[in-house]
Amino acid sequence: MGTGNTAPDPTDLFASGRYLDLYQIREEHALLRERVVVCDSSRIDTLLAVPL
């Protein structure tokens, strides 16, 4: 994940989490039907980053 910052000293943004995906299987193909992104900013020390 980037910040879009174009300053000379760019800031890095880190986020952790997981995807909850729902697939539909049709013959030989698996189709992604739904994706939910669950952020878990508590995995990053709050002294290093501000929680999302």
C-alpha atoms as a PDB file:
ATOM      1  CA  MET A   1       0.000   0.000   0.000  1.00  0.00           C
ATOM      2  CA  GLY A   2       1.499   3.350  -0.939  1.00  0.00           C
ATOM      3  CA  THR A   3       0.755   6.847   0.275  1.00  0.00           C
ATOM      4  CA  GLY A   4       0.998   8.671  -3.042  1.00  0.00           C
ATOM      5  CA  ASN A   5       3.440  11.076  -1.388  1.00  0.00           C
ATOM      6  CA  THR A   6       5.843  12.648  -3.896  1.00  0.00           C
ATOM      7  CA  ALA A   7       7.963  14.499  -1.319  1.00  0.00           C
ATOM      8  CA  PRO A   8      11.755  14.056  -1.451  1.00  0.00           C
ATOM      9  CA  ASP A   9      11.593  11.789   1.624  1.00  0.00           C
ATOM     10  CA  PRO A  10       8.544   9.590   0.974  1.00  0.00           C
ATOM     11  CA  THR A  11       6.548   8.128   3.836  1.00  0.00           C
ATOM     12  CA  ASP A  12       5.785   4.411   3.834  1.00  0.00           C
ATOM     13  CA  LEU A  13       2.416   3.132   4.979  1.00  0.00           C
ATOM     14  CA  PHE A  14       2.096  -0.440   6.195  1.00  0.00           C
ATOM     15  CA  ALA A  15      -1.157  -2.278   6.767  1.00  0.00           C
ATOM     16  CA  SER A  16      -1.832  -5.856   7.675  1.00  0.00           C
ATOM     17  CA  GLY A  17      -4.923  -7.944   7.374  1.00  0.00           C
ATOM     18  CA  ARG A  18      -6.496 -10.676   5.298  1.00  0.00           C
ATOM     19  CA  TYR A  19      -8.888 -11.338   2.465  1.00  0.00           C
ATOM     20  CA  LEU A  20     -12.118 -13.283   2.879  1.00  0.00           C
ATOM     21  CA  ASP A  21     -12.813 -14.610  -0.631  1.00  0.00           C
ATOM     22  CA  LEU A  22     -15.862 -16.407  -1.981  1.00  0.00           C
ATOM     23  CA  TYR A  23     -15.324 -18.464  -5.143  1.00  0.00           C
ATOM     24  CA  GLN A  24     -17.774 -20.166  -7.461  1.00  0.00           C
ATOM     25  CA  ILE A  25     -16.492 -23.291  -9.193  1.00  0.00           C
ATOM     26  CA  ARG A  26     -17.794 -23.876 -12.739  1.00  0.00           C
ATOM     27  CA  GLU A  27     -16.442 -26.814 -14.680  1.00  0.00           C
ATOM     28  CA  GLU A  28     -12.688 -26.152 -14.809  1.00  0.00           C
ATOM     29  CA  HIS A  29     -12.826 -22.488 -13.727  1.00  0.00           C
ATOM     30  CA  ALA A  30     -12.903 -20.844 -10.320  1.00  0.00           C
ATOM     31  CA  LEU A  31     -14.564 -17.409 -10.358  1.00  0.00           C
ATOM     32  CA  LEU A  32     -14.006 -14.861  -7.616  1.00  0.00           C
ATOM     33  CA  ARG A  33     -17.496 -13.737  -6.589  1.00  0.00           C
ATOM     34  CA  GLU A  34     -16.806 -11.654  -3.493  1.00  0.00           C
ATOM     35  CA  ARG A  35     -13.775 -10.273  -1.662  1.00  0.00           C
ATOM     36  CA  VAL A  36     -13.875  -8.679   1.776  1.00  0.00           C
ATOM     37  CA  VAL A  37     -10.718  -7.002   3.060  1.00  0.00           C
ATOM     38  CA  VAL A  38     -10.307  -7.124   6.840  1.00  0.00           C
ATOM     39  CA  CYS A  39      -7.642  -4.721   8.107  1.00  0.00           C
ATOM     40  CA  ASP A  40      -5.859  -5.614  11.325  1.00  0.00           C
ATOM     41  CA  SER A  41      -3.720  -2.639  12.237  1.00  0.00           C
ATOM     42  CA  SER A  42      -3.239  -4.001  15.775  1.00  0.00           C
ATOM     43  CA  ARG A  43      -0.488  -6.294  14.365  1.00  0.00           C
ATOM     44  CA  ILE A  44       1.780  -3.260  13.919  1.00  0.00           C
ATOM     45  CA  ASP A  45       3.300  -1.699  17.023  1.00  0.00           C
ATOM     46  CA  THR A  46       1.461   1.587  17.673  1.00  0.00           C
ATOM     47  CA  LEU A  47       4.765   3.247  18.497  1.00  0.00           C
ATOM     48  CA  LEU A  48       5.747   2.727  14.859  1.00  0.00           C
ATOM     49  CA  ALA A  49       2.457   3.586  13.158  1.00  0.00           C
ATOM     50  CA  VAL A  50      -0.912   5.172  13.769  1.00  0.00           C
ATOM     51  CA  PRO A  51      -3.688   2.534  13.681  1.00  0.00           C
ATOM     52  CA  LEU A  52      -5.968   2.707  10.619  1.00  0.00           C
END
